Structure formats: C-alpha cells, structure tokens
Protein backbone atom coordinates (compact mmCIF):
# COMPACT_ATOMS: atom_id res chain seq x y z
CA MET A 1 0.00 0.00 0.00
CA ARG A 2 1.32 3.44 -0.90
CA PRO A 3 1.93 5.96 1.90
CA ARG A 4 -0.66 8.28 0.37
CA ASP A 5 -3.26 5.46 0.57
CA ILE A 6 -2.41 4.87 4.23
CA LEU A 7 -2.68 8.59 4.97
CA ALA A 8 -6.01 8.81 3.13
CA ALA A 9 -7.47 5.88 5.09
CA ASN A 10 -6.21 7.23 8.41
CA LEU A 11 -7.46 10.74 7.63
CA ARG A 12 -10.94 9.42 6.84
CA ALA A 13 -10.93 7.37 10.06
CA PHE A 14 -9.79 10.30 12.20
CA MET A 15 -12.40 12.57 10.64
CA ALA A 16 -15.16 10.00 11.19
CA ALA A 17 -14.17 9.61 14.84
CA ARG A 18 -14.05 13.32 15.60
CA PRO A 19 -17.38 15.17 15.24
CA ASP A 20 -15.54 18.45 15.73
CA LEU A 21 -13.34 17.67 12.67
CA ASP A 22 -15.63 15.52 10.54
CA THR A 23 -15.92 17.90 7.58
CA LEU A 24 -13.35 19.52 5.32
CA PRO A 25 -14.28 23.08 6.38
CA LYS A 26 -13.88 22.19 10.08
CA LEU A 27 -10.53 20.52 9.43
CA THR A 28 -9.39 23.43 7.25
CA ALA A 29 -10.23 25.90 10.01
CA ARG A 30 -8.27 23.87 12.58
CA SER A 31 -5.29 22.82 10.45
CA GLY A 32 -4.85 25.61 7.91
CA VAL A 33 -4.67 23.06 5.08
CA THR A 34 -7.02 24.12 2.27
CA ASN A 35 -10.24 22.28 1.43
CA GLY A 36 -8.95 21.33 -2.00
CA THR A 37 -5.72 19.89 -0.64
CA LEU A 38 -7.60 18.01 2.09
CA ASP A 39 -9.96 16.55 -0.49
CA ARG A 40 -7.05 15.36 -2.63
CA ILE A 41 -5.28 13.89 0.42
CA ARG A 42 -8.49 12.15 1.50
CA ARG A 43 -8.84 10.61 -1.97
CA ALA A 44 -5.10 9.68 -2.10
CA ALA A 45 -4.82 11.76 -5.28
CA VAL A 46 -1.65 13.62 -4.25
CA SER A 47 1.54 13.20 -2.30
CA THR A 48 1.44 15.28 0.84
CA ARG A 49 4.09 17.70 1.97
CA ILE A 50 5.60 17.22 5.41
CA ASP A 51 4.32 20.62 6.52
CA GLU A 52 0.75 19.66 5.67
CA LEU A 53 1.14 16.32 7.42
CA ALA A 54 2.38 18.10 10.54
CA ARG A 55 -0.55 20.54 10.50
CA LEU A 56 -3.06 17.70 10.10
CA ALA A 57 -1.48 15.74 12.93
CA SER A 58 -1.56 18.80 15.15
CA ALA A 59 -5.24 19.35 14.36
CA PHE A 60 -6.01 15.81 15.55
CA GLY A 61 -3.64 16.01 18.53
CA VAL A 62 -1.36 13.20 17.35
CA GLN A 63 2.18 12.90 16.06
CA PRO A 64 2.64 13.09 12.25
CA TRP A 65 3.94 9.52 12.03
CA GLU A 66 0.67 8.25 13.48
CA LEU A 67 -1.12 9.41 10.33
CA LEU A 68 1.23 7.24 8.25
CA ARG A 69 1.08 4.07 10.35
CA PRO A 70 -0.35 1.21 8.27
CA ASN A 71 -3.69 0.18 9.65
CA GLY A 72 -3.27 2.98 12.18
CA HIS A 73 -6.94 3.80 12.05
CA ALA A 74 -7.87 0.27 13.07
CA SER A 75 -5.61 0.30 16.13
CA LEU A 76 -6.71 3.70 17.40
CA SER A 77 -9.01 3.39 20.35
CA PRO A 78 -12.21 5.45 20.18
CA LEU A 79 -11.42 6.35 23.78
CA GLY A 80 -7.99 7.58 22.69
CA ILE A 81 -9.51 9.76 19.99
CA GLN A 82 -12.02 11.22 22.45
CA LEU A 83 -9.16 11.83 24.84
CA ALA A 84 -7.27 13.72 22.13
CA ALA A 85 -10.31 15.93 21.53
CA TYR A 86 -10.61 16.62 25.27
CA LEU A 87 -6.91 17.43 25.61
CA ASP A 88 -7.09 19.74 22.60
CA GLU A 89 -9.64 21.80 24.50
CA SER A 90 -8.19 21.63 28.00
CA ALA A 91 -4.38 21.37 27.86
CA PRO A 92 -2.85 24.76 28.68
CA ASP A 93 0.13 24.28 26.35
CA GLU A 94 1.52 21.93 23.70
CA ALA A 95 4.00 20.22 26.04
CA THR A 96 1.30 19.37 28.58
CA HIS A 97 -1.01 18.14 25.85
CA THR A 98 1.68 15.92 24.32
CA ALA A 99 2.75 14.44 27.65
CA ALA A 100 -0.80 13.80 28.85
CA PHE A 101 -1.84 12.26 25.54
CA ALA A 102 1.22 9.98 25.41
CA ALA A 103 0.67 8.80 28.98
CA ALA A 104 -3.03 8.19 28.47
CA MET A 105 -2.47 6.31 25.20
CA ALA A 106 0.13 4.11 26.90
CA VAL A 107 -2.44 3.19 29.53
CA ILE A 108 -5.13 2.55 26.91
CA ASP A 109 -2.72 0.43 24.87
CA ALA A 110 -1.70 -1.55 27.97
CA LEU A 111 -5.33 -2.21 28.84
CA THR A 112 -6.34 -3.27 25.34
CA THR A 113 -3.40 -5.42 24.20
CA ARG A 114 -1.36 -8.26 25.64
CA HIS A 115 2.38 -7.77 25.85
CA ASP A 116 3.17 -11.17 24.32
CA SER A 117 0.98 -10.47 21.28
CA PRO A 118 0.53 -6.78 20.45
CA SER A 119 -2.52 -7.36 18.27
CA ALA A 120 -4.39 -9.73 20.59
CA PRO A 121 -6.94 -8.00 22.81
CA VAL A 122 -6.97 -8.63 26.53
CA ARG A 123 -10.11 -10.18 27.92
CA ALA A 124 -11.95 -8.00 30.37
CA PRO A 125 -12.04 -9.21 33.97
CA ALA A 126 -15.24 -10.96 35.02
CA ALA A 127 -16.13 -8.21 37.47
CA THR A 128 -14.83 -4.69 37.64
CA PRO A 129 -13.71 -3.74 41.16
CA GLN A 130 -15.87 -1.03 42.67
CA PRO A 131 -14.40 1.89 44.62
CA LEU A 132 -14.48 1.51 48.37
CA ARG A 133 -17.20 3.36 50.21
CA ALA A 134 -16.17 5.74 52.98
CA LYS A 135 -17.33 3.23 55.63
CA GLU A 136 -15.19 0.43 54.12
CA LYS A 137 -12.14 2.68 53.98
CA ARG A 138 -12.31 3.33 57.70
CA GLY A 139 -12.46 -0.38 58.48
CA ALA A 140 -15.96 -0.25 59.91
C-alpha cells in the first residue's frame, strides 16, 4: 500500500471519529490546510508535503507519524480519539497536551493489548472492582 493510501485511510478514520473535525471546512479551520488539498489527500490523489502532514497531525492532537502508520486507524481506540479531543480543548500548552496524551495512550494500549501479542486484545475481567465506600475505607 502506498503511503498516500495509508494517509487517506487514516485521515478518513480520524475525521469519522471526531465530530468536531468531521468535515473539510472544520478541518481546514483547525489545520490551515485548504479544502482542495484536504480533499485530494483524503482521496489519495496527491503526495502530501511534510508541513501539511504536521498541521493535520496537530489538528487531531497526534504525532505526524501516526497518520502514516499502516492500519493505524484500526488500532486507534475510540477512547484515545475522544481523549485527544478533550486534551485539545483543556491542555494549557503543547507540552502538557503531548505528555498527557502519550501517557493516556500508553495506559489505553496496555489495557487493550497483551504484551506477548501486540494485536491480541486482553479479555476483560469478570467483574470490575468497585471503589471503596467511605465506611469500608475506615475499616468499619
């Protein structure tokens, strides 16, 4: 698969997962990449410049290489994408956003994949532990 095909598939997946960036005008406003260029990227009709790739990645709150990862859209957790949207709105600066997103994605990845087989999902525990009530915490 050509890199432009991978980017096109990932761009469509990111747009579909983000209601705030699900149209070309919304993505243009956030990224600064023109509607025409975005349309050609989405259709895999052009090679993309690094600067455009970086602006798109920034708009989605991910690193540029993540837009070029084969099957990247399939391995992205919907929770991770929602987290990126939240961090875009709440992180006070780029460094905080990047660090928080990386840490959260590491946790999501650890919870959703086994270490011996990166693509095999982990089975959920039979029962999710509930937080202790105040009375239980005091030993009563």
